[in-house]
C-alpha atoms as a PDB file:
ATOM      1  CA  MET A   1      -0.022  -0.021  -0.004  1.00  0.00           C
ATOM      2  CA  ASP A   2       1.214   3.197  -0.751  1.00  0.00           C
ATOM      3  CA  LYS A   3       1.973   5.590   2.055  1.00  0.00           C
ATOM      4  CA  LEU A   4      -0.703   7.987   2.884  1.00  0.00           C
ATOM      5  CA  PRO A   5       0.102  11.810   2.862  1.00  0.00           C
ATOM      6  CA  VAL A   6       0.338  13.126   6.690  1.00  0.00           C
ATOM      7  CA  ILE A   7      -1.829  15.897   7.357  1.00  0.00           C
ATOM      8  CA  GLY A   8       0.428  18.641   9.360  1.00  0.00           C
ATOM      9  CA  THR A   9      -0.557  21.412  11.311  1.00  0.00           C
ATOM     10  CA  THR A  10       0.352  25.204  11.754  1.00  0.00           C
ATOM     11  CA  PRO A  11       1.264  26.862  15.277  1.00  0.00           C
ATOM     12  CA  ALA A  12      -1.708  28.232  16.963  1.00  0.00           C
ATOM     13  CA  ALA A  13      -1.868  31.792  17.251  1.00  0.00           C
ATOM     14  CA  PRO A  14      -1.134  32.990  20.642  1.00  0.00           C
ATOM     15  CA  ILE A  15      -3.739  34.076  22.992  1.00  0.00           C
ATOM     16  CA  ASP A  16      -3.102  37.162  25.290  1.00  0.00           C
ATOM     17  CA  LEU A  17      -5.823  37.181  27.942  1.00  0.00           C
ATOM     18  CA  GLY A  18      -4.011  40.122  30.264  1.00  0.00           C
ATOM     19  CA  MET A  19      -3.137  37.604  32.884  1.00  0.00           C
ATOM     20  CA  THR A  20       0.213  36.388  34.877  1.00  0.00           C
ATOM     21  CA  GLU A  21       0.989  32.798  34.509  1.00  0.00           C
ATOM     22  CA  ASP A  22       0.179  32.875  38.468  1.00  0.00           C
ATOM     23  CA  GLU A  23      -3.413  34.128  37.658  1.00  0.00           C
ATOM     24  CA  LEU A  24      -4.356  31.630  34.869  1.00  0.00           C
ATOM     25  CA  GLU A  25      -3.075  28.894  37.168  1.00  0.00           C
ATOM     26  CA  ALA A  26      -5.049  30.228  39.832  1.00  0.00           C
ATOM     27  CA  GLY A  27      -8.174  30.651  37.794  1.00  0.00           C
ATOM     28  CA  ILE A  28      -7.981  27.270  35.837  1.00  0.00           C
ATOM     29  CA  ARG A  29      -7.931  25.626  39.702  1.00  0.00           C
ATOM     30  CA  ARG A  30     -11.158  28.128  40.571  1.00  0.00           C
ATOM     31  CA  LEU A  31     -13.015  27.030  37.360  1.00  0.00           C
ATOM     32  CA  LYS A  32     -12.205  23.248  37.883  1.00  0.00           C
ATOM     33  CA  ALA A  33     -13.808  23.517  41.262  1.00  0.00           C
ATOM     34  CA  GLU A  34     -16.643  25.215  39.936  1.00  0.00           C
ATOM     35  CA  ARG A  35     -17.518  22.790  36.998  1.00  0.00           C
ATOM     36  CA  ASN A  36     -16.500  19.791  38.829  1.00  0.00           C
ATOM     37  CA  ALA A  37     -14.043  18.862  36.431  1.00  0.00           C
ATOM     38  CA  VAL A  38     -11.040  17.183  35.963  1.00  0.00           C
ATOM     39  CA  ILE A  39      -7.967  17.552  34.108  1.00  0.00           C
ATOM     40  CA  LEU A  40      -6.311  14.534  32.187  1.00  0.00           C
ATOM     41  CA  ALA A  41      -3.189  15.399  30.428  1.00  0.00           C
ATOM     42  CA  HIS A  42      -0.812  13.476  28.445  1.00  0.00           C
ATOM     43  CA  TYR A  43       3.120  13.178  29.198  1.00  0.00           C
ATOM     44  CA  TYR A  44       3.730  15.177  26.091  1.00  0.00           C
ATOM     45  CA  GLN A  45       1.943  18.232  26.891  1.00  0.00           C
ATOM     46  CA  GLU A  46       3.694  21.372  28.345  1.00  0.00           C
ATOM     47  CA  SER A  47       5.228  21.320  31.732  1.00  0.00           C
ATOM     48  CA  GLU A  48       2.620  23.800  33.167  1.00  0.00           C
ATOM     49  CA  ILE A  49      -0.234  21.871  31.906  1.00  0.00           C
ATOM     50  CA  GLN A  50       0.886  18.699  33.382  1.00  0.00           C
ATOM     51  CA  ASP A  51       1.580  20.041  36.594  1.00  0.00           C
ATOM     52  CA  LEU A  52      -1.984  21.447  36.792  1.00  0.00           C
ATOM     53  CA  ALA A  53      -3.426  18.010  35.763  1.00  0.00           C
ATOM     54  CA  ASP A  54      -5.017  15.600  38.018  1.00  0.00           C
ATOM     55  CA  HIS A  55      -3.696  12.783  36.141  1.00  0.00           C
ATOM     56  CA  VAL A  56      -0.923  12.667  33.711  1.00  0.00           C
ATOM     57  CA  GLY A  57      -0.189   9.420  32.126  1.00  0.00           C
ATOM     58  CA  ASP A  58       0.276   7.421  28.578  1.00  0.00           C
ATOM     59  CA  SER A  59      -3.050   6.395  26.606  1.00  0.00           C
ATOM     60  CA  LEU A  60      -3.695   3.712  28.574  1.00  0.00           C
ATOM     61  CA  GLN A  61      -3.661   5.237  31.901  1.00  0.00           C
ATOM     62  CA  LEU A  62      -5.782   8.318  30.750  1.00  0.00           C
ATOM     63  CA  SER A  63      -8.203   5.749  29.089  1.00  0.00           C
ATOM     64  CA  GLN A  64      -8.453   4.088  32.564  1.00  0.00           C
ATOM     65  CA  ALA A  65      -8.935   7.446  34.465  1.00  0.00           C
ATOM     66  CA  ALA A  66     -11.206   8.938  31.913  1.00  0.00           C
ATOM     67  CA  ALA A  67     -13.446   5.419  32.619  1.00  0.00           C
ATOM     68  CA  LYS A  68     -13.351   6.051  36.687  1.00  0.00           C
ATOM     69  CA  THR A  69     -13.956   9.941  36.974  1.00  0.00           C
ATOM     70  CA  THR A  70     -17.030  11.210  38.821  1.00  0.00           C
ATOM     71  CA  ALA A  71     -16.293  14.774  37.515  1.00  0.00           C
ATOM     72  CA  ASP A  72     -19.159  16.496  35.712  1.00  0.00           C
ATOM     73  CA  VAL A  73     -16.701  17.812  33.172  1.00  0.00           C
ATOM     74  CA  ILE A  74     -13.376  16.333  31.630  1.00  0.00           C
ATOM     75  CA  ALA A  75     -10.892  18.709  30.575  1.00  0.00           C
ATOM     76  CA  PHE A  76      -8.734  16.590  28.339  1.00  0.00           C
ATOM     77  CA  CYS A  77      -5.127  17.745  27.294  1.00  0.00           C
ATOM     78  CA  GLY A  78      -3.877  15.610  24.504  1.00  0.00           C
ATOM     79  CA  VAL A  79      -4.804  15.275  21.019  1.00  0.00           C
ATOM     80  CA  HIS A  80      -8.534  14.957  19.626  1.00  0.00           C
ATOM     81  CA  PHE A  81      -8.619  11.297  19.538  1.00  0.00           C
ATOM     82  CA  MET A  82      -7.812  10.843  23.339  1.00  0.00           C
ATOM     83  CA  ALA A  83     -10.549  13.368  24.178  1.00  0.00           C
ATOM     84  CA  GLU A  84     -12.894  11.046  21.636  1.00  0.00           C
ATOM     85  CA  THR A  85     -12.111   8.136  23.696  1.00  0.00           C
ATOM     86  CA  ALA A  86     -12.921  10.189  27.059  1.00  0.00           C
ATOM     87  CA  LYS A  87     -16.287  10.859  25.450  1.00  0.00           C
ATOM     88  CA  ILE A  88     -16.757   7.358  24.198  1.00  0.00           C
ATOM     89  CA  LEU A  89     -16.477   6.073  27.790  1.00  0.00           C
ATOM     90  CA  ASN A  90     -18.129   9.178  29.365  1.00  0.00           C
ATOM     91  CA  PRO A  91     -21.370  10.005  27.143  1.00  0.00           C
ATOM     92  CA  THR A  92     -23.282  11.760  29.573  1.00  0.00           C
ATOM     93  CA  LYS A  93     -20.234  14.132  30.939  1.00  0.00           C
ATOM     94  CA  ILE A  94     -19.094  17.224  29.003  1.00  0.00           C
ATOM     95  CA  VAL A  95     -15.661  16.753  27.508  1.00  0.00           C
ATOM     96  CA  VAL A  96     -13.340  19.829  26.423  1.00  0.00           C
ATOM     97  CA  VAL A  97     -10.367  20.119  24.616  1.00  0.00           C
ATOM     98  CA  PRO A  98      -8.257  23.295  24.746  1.00  0.00           C
ATOM     99  CA  ASP A  99      -7.595  23.447  21.127  1.00  0.00           C
ATOM    100  CA  LEU A 100     -10.013  21.371  18.786  1.00  0.00           C
ATOM    101  CA  GLU A 101      -7.382  21.323  16.140  1.00  0.00           C
ATOM    102  CA  ALA A 102      -4.765  19.547  18.092  1.00  0.00           C
ATOM    103  CA  GLY A 103      -4.562  16.370  16.013  1.00  0.00           C
ATOM    104  CA  CYS A 104      -2.429  13.334  15.341  1.00  0.00           C
ATOM    105  CA  SER A 105      -0.722  12.197  12.071  1.00  0.00           C
ATOM    106  CA  LEU A 106      -1.537   8.685  12.883  1.00  0.00           C
ATOM    107  CA  ALA A 107      -5.269   9.411  13.194  1.00  0.00           C
ATOM    108  CA  ASP A 108      -5.235  11.646  10.216  1.00  0.00           C
ATOM    109  CA  GLY A 109      -3.183   9.259   8.095  1.00  0.00           C
ATOM    110  CA  CYS A 110      -6.071   6.401   8.500  1.00  0.00           C
ATOM    111  CA  PRO A 111      -9.267   7.879   7.195  1.00  0.00           C
ATOM    112  CA  ALA A 112     -12.154   5.459   8.122  1.00  0.00           C
ATOM    113  CA  PRO A 113     -13.297   5.256   4.642  1.00  0.00           C
ATOM    114  CA  VAL A 114     -10.362   4.206   3.213  1.00  0.00           C
ATOM    115  CA  PHE A 115      -9.620   1.939   6.313  1.00  0.00           C
ATOM    116  CA  SER A 116     -12.610   0.346   5.827  1.00  0.00           C
ATOM    117  CA  LYS A 117     -12.345  -0.453   2.260  1.00  0.00           C
ATOM    118  CA  TRP A 118      -8.628  -1.742   2.754  1.00  0.00           C
ATOM    119  CA  LEU A 119      -9.921  -4.192   5.387  1.00  0.00           C
ATOM    120  CA  GLU A 120     -12.121  -5.634   2.734  1.00  0.00           C
ATOM    121  CA  LYS A 121      -8.873  -7.565   1.525  1.00  0.00           C
ATOM    122  CA  TYR A 122      -8.738  -9.395   4.994  1.00  0.00           C
ATOM    123  CA  PRO A 123     -11.846 -11.107   5.750  1.00  0.00           C
ATOM    124  CA  GLY A 124     -11.700 -13.291   8.886  1.00  0.00           C
ATOM    125  CA  HIS A 125      -8.975 -11.135  10.359  1.00  0.00           C
ATOM    126  CA  THR A 126      -9.122  -9.506  13.840  1.00  0.00           C
ATOM    127  CA  VAL A 127      -8.530  -5.965  13.715  1.00  0.00           C
ATOM    128  CA  VAL A 128      -6.305  -4.730  16.395  1.00  0.00           C
ATOM    129  CA  SER A 129      -6.404  -0.674  16.221  1.00  0.00           C
ATOM    130  CA  TYR A 130      -3.908   1.485  18.232  1.00  0.00           C
ATOM    131  CA  ILE A 131      -5.562   4.071  20.421  1.00  0.00           C
ATOM    132  CA  ASN A 132      -3.991   6.747  18.203  1.00  0.00           C
ATOM    133  CA  CYS A 133      -6.949   6.238  15.597  1.00  0.00           C
ATOM    134  CA  SER A 134     -10.403   8.254  15.162  1.00  0.00           C
ATOM    135  CA  ALA A 135     -13.511   7.215  16.983  1.00  0.00           C
ATOM    136  CA  GLU A 136     -14.726   5.894  13.287  1.00  0.00           C
ATOM    137  CA  VAL A 137     -11.662   3.382  13.082  1.00  0.00           C
ATOM    138  CA  LYS A 138     -12.537   2.283  16.424  1.00  0.00           C
ATOM    139  CA  ALA A 139     -15.729   1.671  15.496  1.00  0.00           C
ATOM    140  CA  LEU A 140     -14.339  -0.676  12.843  1.00  0.00           C
ATOM    141  CA  SER A 141     -11.769  -2.490  15.274  1.00  0.00           C
ATOM    142  CA  ASP A 142     -12.365  -5.628  17.300  1.00  0.00           C
ATOM    143  CA  VAL A 143      -9.911  -4.475  20.157  1.00  0.00           C
ATOM    144  CA  ILE A 144      -7.908  -1.412  20.949  1.00  0.00           C
ATOM    145  CA  VAL A 145      -4.366  -1.516  22.313  1.00  0.00           C
ATOM    146  CA  THR A 146      -2.148   1.094  23.502  1.00  0.00           C
ATOM    147  CA  SER A 147       1.828   0.602  23.817  1.00  0.00           C
ATOM    148  CA  SER A 148       1.393  -0.317  26.956  1.00  0.00           C
ATOM    149  CA  ASN A 149      -0.606  -3.399  26.400  1.00  0.00           C
ATOM    150  CA  ALA A 150      -0.153  -3.938  22.628  1.00  0.00           C
ATOM    151  CA  VAL A 151       2.209  -7.059  23.066  1.00  0.00           C
ATOM    152  CA  LYS A 152      -0.001  -8.699  25.828  1.00  0.00           C
ATOM    153  CA  ILE A 153      -3.034  -8.344  24.059  1.00  0.00           C
ATOM    154  CA  VAL A 154      -1.836  -9.661  20.476  1.00  0.00           C
ATOM    155  CA  LYS A 155      -0.193 -12.539  22.664  1.00  0.00           C
ATOM    156  CA  ALA A 156      -3.710 -13.068  23.924  1.00  0.00           C
ATOM    157  CA  LEU A 157      -4.969 -13.587  20.264  1.00  0.00           C
ATOM    158  CA  GLU A 158      -3.045 -16.698  19.541  1.00  0.00           C
ATOM    159  CA  GLY A 159      -4.572 -18.493  16.526  1.00  0.00           C
ATOM    160  CA  GLN A 160      -6.445 -15.643  15.084  1.00  0.00           C
ATOM    161  CA  LYS A 161      -5.339 -13.766  12.027  1.00  0.00           C
ATOM    162  CA  ILE A 162      -4.715  -9.998  12.955  1.00  0.00           C
ATOM    163  CA  VAL A 163      -4.582  -7.050  11.146  1.00  0.00           C
ATOM    164  CA  PHE A 164      -2.949  -4.056  12.941  1.00  0.00           C
ATOM    165  CA  ALA A 165      -3.173  -0.329  12.500  1.00  0.00           C
ATOM    166  CA  PRO A 166      -2.376   2.350  12.162  1.00  0.00           C
ATOM    167  CA  ASP A 167       1.346   2.417  13.159  1.00  0.00           C
ATOM    168  CA  ARG A 168       3.721   0.490  11.106  1.00  0.00           C
ATOM    169  CA  TYR A 169       6.436   0.535  13.469  1.00  0.00           C
ATOM    170  CA  LEU A 170       4.950   0.020  16.626  1.00  0.00           C
ATOM    171  CA  GLY A 171       3.107  -2.926  14.753  1.00  0.00           C
ATOM    172  CA  ALA A 172       6.534  -4.172  13.673  1.00  0.00           C
ATOM    173  CA  TRP A 173       7.751  -4.098  17.079  1.00  0.00           C
ATOM    174  CA  VAL A 174       4.561  -5.904  18.360  1.00  0.00           C
ATOM    175  CA  GLN A 175       5.008  -8.608  15.597  1.00  0.00           C
ATOM    176  CA  LYS A 176       8.373  -9.100  16.529  1.00  0.00           C
ATOM    177  CA  GLN A 177       7.729  -9.693  20.334  1.00  0.00           C
ATOM    178  CA  ALA A 178       4.685 -11.601  19.970  1.00  0.00           C
ATOM    179  CA  ASN A 179       6.123 -13.890  17.317  1.00  0.00           C
ATOM    180  CA  ARG A 180       3.455 -12.937  14.832  1.00  0.00           C
ATOM    181  CA  PRO A 181       5.004 -12.781  11.458  1.00  0.00           C
ATOM    182  CA  ASP A 182       1.705 -13.108   9.650  1.00  0.00           C
ATOM    183  CA  MET A 183       0.460  -9.818  10.965  1.00  0.00           C
ATOM    184  CA  VAL A 184      -0.802  -7.315   8.449  1.00  0.00           C
ATOM    185  CA  LYS A 185       0.110  -3.664   8.822  1.00  0.00           C
ATOM    186  CA  TRP A 186      -1.703  -0.463   7.846  1.00  0.00           C
ATOM    187  CA  GLU A 187       1.102   1.727   6.825  1.00  0.00           C
ATOM    188  CA  GLY A 188       1.370   4.776   9.248  1.00  0.00           C
ATOM    189  CA  SER A 189       3.562   6.606  11.013  1.00  0.00           C
ATOM    190  CA  CYS A 190       3.922   9.367  13.832  1.00  0.00           C
ATOM    191  CA  ILE A 191       5.502  12.393  12.578  1.00  0.00           C
ATOM    192  CA  VAL A 192       7.481  12.736  16.000  1.00  0.00           C
ATOM    193  CA  HIS A 193       9.078   9.417  16.210  1.00  0.00           C
ATOM    194  CA  GLU A 194       9.713   8.595  12.368  1.00  0.00           C
ATOM    195  CA  THR A 195      12.002  11.641  12.248  1.00  0.00           C
ATOM    196  CA  PHE A 196      14.547  10.696  14.969  1.00  0.00           C
ATOM    197  CA  SER A 197      18.024  10.103  13.467  1.00  0.00           C
ATOM    198  CA  GLU A 198      20.083   7.129  13.870  1.00  0.00           C
ATOM    199  CA  LYS A 199      23.521   9.083  12.937  1.00  0.00           C
ATOM    200  CA  ARG A 200      23.080  11.816  15.442  1.00  0.00           C
ATOM    201  CA  MET A 201      21.848   9.799  18.082  1.00  0.00           C
ATOM    202  CA  LEU A 202      24.729   7.684  17.947  1.00  0.00           C
ATOM    203  CA  ALA A 203      26.941  10.647  17.977  1.00  0.00           C
ATOM    204  CA  LEU A 204      25.497  11.547  21.247  1.00  0.00           C
ATOM    205  CA  LYS A 205      26.117   8.121  22.597  1.00  0.00           C
ATOM    206  CA  VAL A 206      29.410   8.694  21.535  1.00  0.00           C
ATOM    207  CA  GLN A 207      29.646  11.841  23.435  1.00  0.00           C
ATOM    208  CA  ASN A 208      27.704  10.373  26.087  1.00  0.00           C
ATOM    209  CA  PRO A 209      29.211   6.455  26.457  1.00  0.00           C
ATOM    210  CA  ASP A 210      27.366   5.833  29.930  1.00  0.00           C
ATOM    211  CA  ALA A 211      24.103   6.600  28.519  1.00  0.00           C
ATOM    212  CA  GLU A 212      21.375   4.340  28.022  1.00  0.00           C
ATOM    213  CA  ILE A 213      18.994   4.480  24.822  1.00  0.00           C
ATOM    214  CA  ILE A 214      15.546   4.173  25.791  1.00  0.00           C
ATOM    215  CA  ALA A 215      12.975   4.360  22.981  1.00  0.00           C
ATOM    216  CA  HIS A 216       9.267   4.397  22.435  1.00  0.00           C
ATOM    217  CA  PRO A 217       8.154   1.608  20.035  1.00  0.00           C
ATOM    218  CA  GLU A 218       6.648   3.983  17.667  1.00  0.00           C
ATOM    219  CA  CYS A 219      10.482   4.812  16.442  1.00  0.00           C
ATOM    220  CA  HIS A 220      11.927   3.092  13.616  1.00  0.00           C
ATOM    221  CA  GLU A 221      14.128   0.185  13.581  1.00  0.00           C
ATOM    222  CA  GLY A 222      17.196   2.253  12.906  1.00  0.00           C
ATOM    223  CA  ILE A 223      16.458   3.694  16.544  1.00  0.00           C
ATOM    224  CA  LEU A 224      14.770   0.619  18.172  1.00  0.00           C
ATOM    225  CA  LYS A 225      17.988  -1.825  17.284  1.00  0.00           C
ATOM    226  CA  HIS A 226      20.447   0.097  19.297  1.00  0.00           C
ATOM    227  CA  ALA A 227      17.857   0.857  22.621  1.00  0.00           C
ATOM    228  CA  ASP A 228      18.615  -0.541  25.683  1.00  0.00           C
ATOM    229  CA  PHE A 229      14.967  -0.187  26.664  1.00  0.00           C
ATOM    230  CA  ILE A 230      11.763  -0.095  24.616  1.00  0.00           C
ATOM    231  CA  GLY A 231       8.615   0.859  25.960  1.00  0.00           C
ATOM    232  CA  SER A 232       5.764   3.004  26.350  1.00  0.00           C
ATOM    233  CA  THR A 233       5.806   6.292  27.789  1.00  0.00           C
ATOM    234  CA  SER A 234       4.827   5.438  31.528  1.00  0.00           C
ATOM    235  CA  ALA A 235       7.227   2.434  30.869  1.00  0.00           C
ATOM    236  CA  LEU A 236      10.443   5.158  29.851  1.00  0.00           C
ATOM    237  CA  ILE A 237       9.592   6.807  33.050  1.00  0.00           C
ATOM    238  CA  ASP A 238       9.735   3.850  35.134  1.00  0.00           C
ATOM    239  CA  TYR A 239      12.811   2.360  33.665  1.00  0.00           C
ATOM    240  CA  ALA A 240      14.671   5.899  33.889  1.00  0.00           C
ATOM    241  CA  LYS A 241      13.802   5.858  37.819  1.00  0.00           C
ATOM    242  CA  LYS A 242      15.121   2.162  38.748  1.00  0.00           C
ATOM    243  CA  SER A 243      17.563   1.675  36.419  1.00  0.00           C
ATOM    244  CA  PRO A 244      21.116   2.175  38.098  1.00  0.00           C
ATOM    245  CA  SER A 245      22.118   3.941  35.044  1.00  0.00           C
ATOM    246  CA  MET A 246      22.853   8.047  35.483  1.00  0.00           C
ATOM    247  CA  ALA A 247      22.190   9.163  31.807  1.00  0.00           C
ATOM    248  CA  PHE A 248      19.673   8.304  29.461  1.00  0.00           C
ATOM    249  CA  ILE A 249      19.264   9.380  25.625  1.00  0.00           C
ATOM    250  CA  VAL A 250      15.405   9.351  25.435  1.00  0.00           C
ATOM    251  CA  ALA A 251      13.738   8.571  22.254  1.00  0.00           C
ATOM    252  CA  THR A 252      10.193   9.902  22.343  1.00  0.00           C
ATOM    253  CA  GLU A 253       8.421  13.218  22.416  1.00  0.00           C
ATOM    254  CA  ALA A 254      10.203  15.613  24.272  1.00  0.00           C
ATOM    255  CA  GLY A 255       7.460  16.568  26.707  1.00  0.00           C
ATOM    256  CA  ILE A 256       8.187  13.494  28.828  1.00  0.00           C
ATOM    257  CA  LEU A 257      11.573  14.824  30.016  1.00  0.00           C
ATOM    258  CA  HIS A 258       9.458  16.817  32.461  1.00  0.00           C
ATOM    259  CA  LYS A 259       7.974  14.056  34.510  1.00  0.00           C
ATOM    260  CA  MET A 260      11.033  11.874  33.818  1.00  0.00           C
ATOM    261  CA  GLN A 261      13.035  14.392  35.725  1.00  0.00           C
ATOM    262  CA  ILE A 262      10.916  14.512  38.513  1.00  0.00           C
ATOM    263  CA  ALA A 263      10.544  10.693  38.719  1.00  0.00           C
ATOM    264  CA  ALA A 264      14.333  10.265  38.313  1.00  0.00           C
ATOM    265  CA  PRO A 265      15.910  13.607  40.055  1.00  0.00           C
ATOM    266  CA  GLY A 266      19.663  14.176  39.528  1.00  0.00           C
ATOM    267  CA  LYS A 267      19.815  11.869  36.277  1.00  0.00           C
ATOM    268  CA  THR A 268      21.046  13.470  33.005  1.00  0.00           C
ATOM    269  CA  LEU A 269      18.473  13.040  30.380  1.00  0.00           C
ATOM    270  CA  ILE A 270      19.079  13.978  26.628  1.00  0.00           C
ATOM    271  CA  ALA A 271      16.198  14.235  24.055  1.00  0.00           C
ATOM    272  CA  ALA A 272      17.131  12.271  21.234  1.00  0.00           C
ATOM    273  CA  PRO A 273      17.409  14.326  17.897  1.00  0.00           C
ATOM    274  CA  PRO A 274      15.573  14.681  14.784  1.00  0.00           C
ATOM    275  CA  GLU A 275      17.062  14.308  11.420  1.00  0.00           C
ATOM    276  CA  ASP A 276      16.860  17.981  10.453  1.00  0.00           C
ATOM    277  CA  GLU A 277      18.994  19.770  12.822  1.00  0.00           C
ATOM    278  CA  SER A 278      17.347  23.068  12.149  1.00  0.00           C
ATOM    279  CA  CYS A 279      13.956  22.108  13.464  1.00  0.00           C
ATOM    280  CA  ALA A 280      12.387  21.047  16.952  1.00  0.00           C
ATOM    281  CA  CYS A 281      10.940  17.963  14.992  1.00  0.00           C
ATOM    282  CA  ASN A 282      11.075  15.943  18.433  1.00  0.00           C
ATOM    283  CA  VAL A 283       8.558  18.155  19.662  1.00  0.00           C
ATOM    284  CA  CYS A 284       4.730  17.434  18.624  1.00  0.00           C
ATOM    285  CA  PRO A 285       3.299  20.329  17.059  1.00  0.00           C
ATOM    286  CA  HIS A 286      -0.412  19.087  17.602  1.00  0.00           C
ATOM    287  CA  MET A 287       0.101  18.513  21.752  1.00  0.00           C
ATOM    288  CA  ARG A 288       1.790  22.190  21.528  1.00  0.00           C
ATOM    289  CA  ARG A 289      -1.316  23.695  20.588  1.00  0.00           C
ATOM    290  CA  ASN A 290      -2.845  23.183  24.056  1.00  0.00           C
ATOM    291  CA  THR A 291      -1.815  26.296  26.394  1.00  0.00           C
ATOM    292  CA  LEU A 292      -2.780  27.498  29.737  1.00  0.00           C
ATOM    293  CA  GLU A 293      -4.755  30.143  28.023  1.00  0.00           C
ATOM    294  CA  LYS A 294      -7.001  27.669  25.950  1.00  0.00           C
ATOM    295  CA  LEU A 295      -7.411  25.461  28.883  1.00  0.00           C
ATOM    296  CA  TYR A 296      -8.666  28.409  31.085  1.00  0.00           C
ATOM    297  CA  LEU A 297     -11.060  29.228  28.308  1.00  0.00           C
ATOM    298  CA  SER A 298     -12.019  25.743  27.795  1.00  0.00           C
ATOM    299  CA  LEU A 299     -13.086  25.642  31.339  1.00  0.00           C
ATOM    300  CA  ARG A 300     -14.728  29.022  31.464  1.00  0.00           C
ATOM    301  CA  ASP A 301     -16.751  28.452  28.590  1.00  0.00           C
ATOM    302  CA  LEU A 302     -17.085  24.934  28.184  1.00  0.00           C
ATOM    303  CA  GLN A 303     -15.814  24.956  24.752  1.00  0.00           C
ATOM    304  CA  PRO A 304     -14.710  23.518  22.424  1.00  0.00           C
ATOM    305  CA  GLN A 305     -16.526  20.501  23.117  1.00  0.00           C
ATOM    306  CA  VAL A 306     -15.600  16.815  21.673  1.00  0.00           C
ATOM    307  CA  ASP A 307     -18.681  14.701  20.690  1.00  0.00           C
ATOM    308  CA  VAL A 308     -19.048  11.643  18.803  1.00  0.00           C
ATOM    309  CA  PRO A 309     -22.405  10.428  17.302  1.00  0.00           C
ATOM    310  CA  GLU A 310     -24.154   7.795  19.082  1.00  0.00           C
ATOM    311  CA  ALA A 311     -23.794   4.925  16.871  1.00  0.00           C
ATOM    312  CA  VAL A 312     -20.177   5.543  16.345  1.00  0.00           C
ATOM    313  CA  ARG A 313     -19.920   5.870  19.923  1.00  0.00           C
ATOM    314  CA  VAL A 314     -21.539   2.283  20.734  1.00  0.00           C
ATOM    315  CA  ARG A 315     -19.363   0.595  18.366  1.00  0.00           C
ATOM    316  CA  ALA A 316     -16.487   1.794  19.243  1.00  0.00           C
ATOM    317  CA  LEU A 317     -16.942   1.425  23.111  1.00  0.00           C
ATOM    318  CA  ALA A 318     -16.838  -2.206  22.598  1.00  0.00           C
ATOM    319  CA  PRO A 319     -13.341  -2.718  21.616  1.00  0.00           C
ATOM    320  CA  ILE A 320     -12.086   0.262  24.258  1.00  0.00           C
ATOM    321  CA  GLN A 321     -13.888  -1.807  26.777  1.00  0.00           C
ATOM    322  CA  ARG A 322     -12.363  -4.997  25.616  1.00  0.00           C
ATOM    323  CA  MET A 323      -8.792  -3.442  25.891  1.00  0.00           C
ATOM    324  CA  LEU A 324      -9.730  -2.250  29.511  1.00  0.00           C
ATOM    325  CA  GLU A 325     -10.744  -5.816  30.294  1.00  0.00           C
ATOM    326  CA  MET A 326      -7.541  -7.616  28.733  1.00  0.00           C
ATOM    327  CA  SER A 327      -5.385  -5.013  30.401  1.00  0.00           C
ATOM    328  CA  VAL A 328      -5.903  -5.767  33.958  1.00  0.00           C
END
């Protein structure tokens, strides 16, 4: 299959509310209490947002938090598919995002109509979709996975023919770990993890010979083959905390370094470099659309809200619930 074009994004225009950062943070806490809201934030968010959140985690942890919350309002600081997942799990709650345009190259690169047509070539296959996909693609799936549980779930599907979407690099890693050479993969990729430079990373390793390389499985094989440890964002943080090593080259989105430094104080953390030295390509432009100002406005105005059509929501709920059950 030809690689689909990635839908990019442009930097969001700054918003000046005439408030200091302290005033913004105080206002967000006040609005959160008034709205009976919970703030969920991914590890790839700006550090200021992570520090305000009630729950910071990877996609699995945030899905679990969304499923358990008793709040009336969920403010989801992440990208659009994450907020959709929260709405699928909480149809009666208000789900807001700071910026509705915060998308994902993996979700954008797997449009549901095209994916549905492609699946016709693989009758009898169990459709395993990475959570980084739209609600419509989830509705076409049999089970959802995250990087935390994908290997475990695919191993549990022994004897079944599998289609895996949308990340081909995560799929290749899962395929190898679960010993499923027959697994069919959709050819999607993450614009951040795809851009890491093997050559520049190895140069960093020469400069820091005692540093361990730790990587997210969305990275390409040129990165993963050198990694001392491969895991989800939460697993990477836990590894940096527990490893006796004092330095790490971290191959995932650079926002993770904030919580990793808190978890592993005194250790040296080095962001893996992108191919292009002139850009900050190891930072997700979609995640960075969310700001304190936009979070404040989303809680104040309860906009923009994320909604999922009920017919899609019901179909998408089953594979998400299956994931949560299989992750216990």
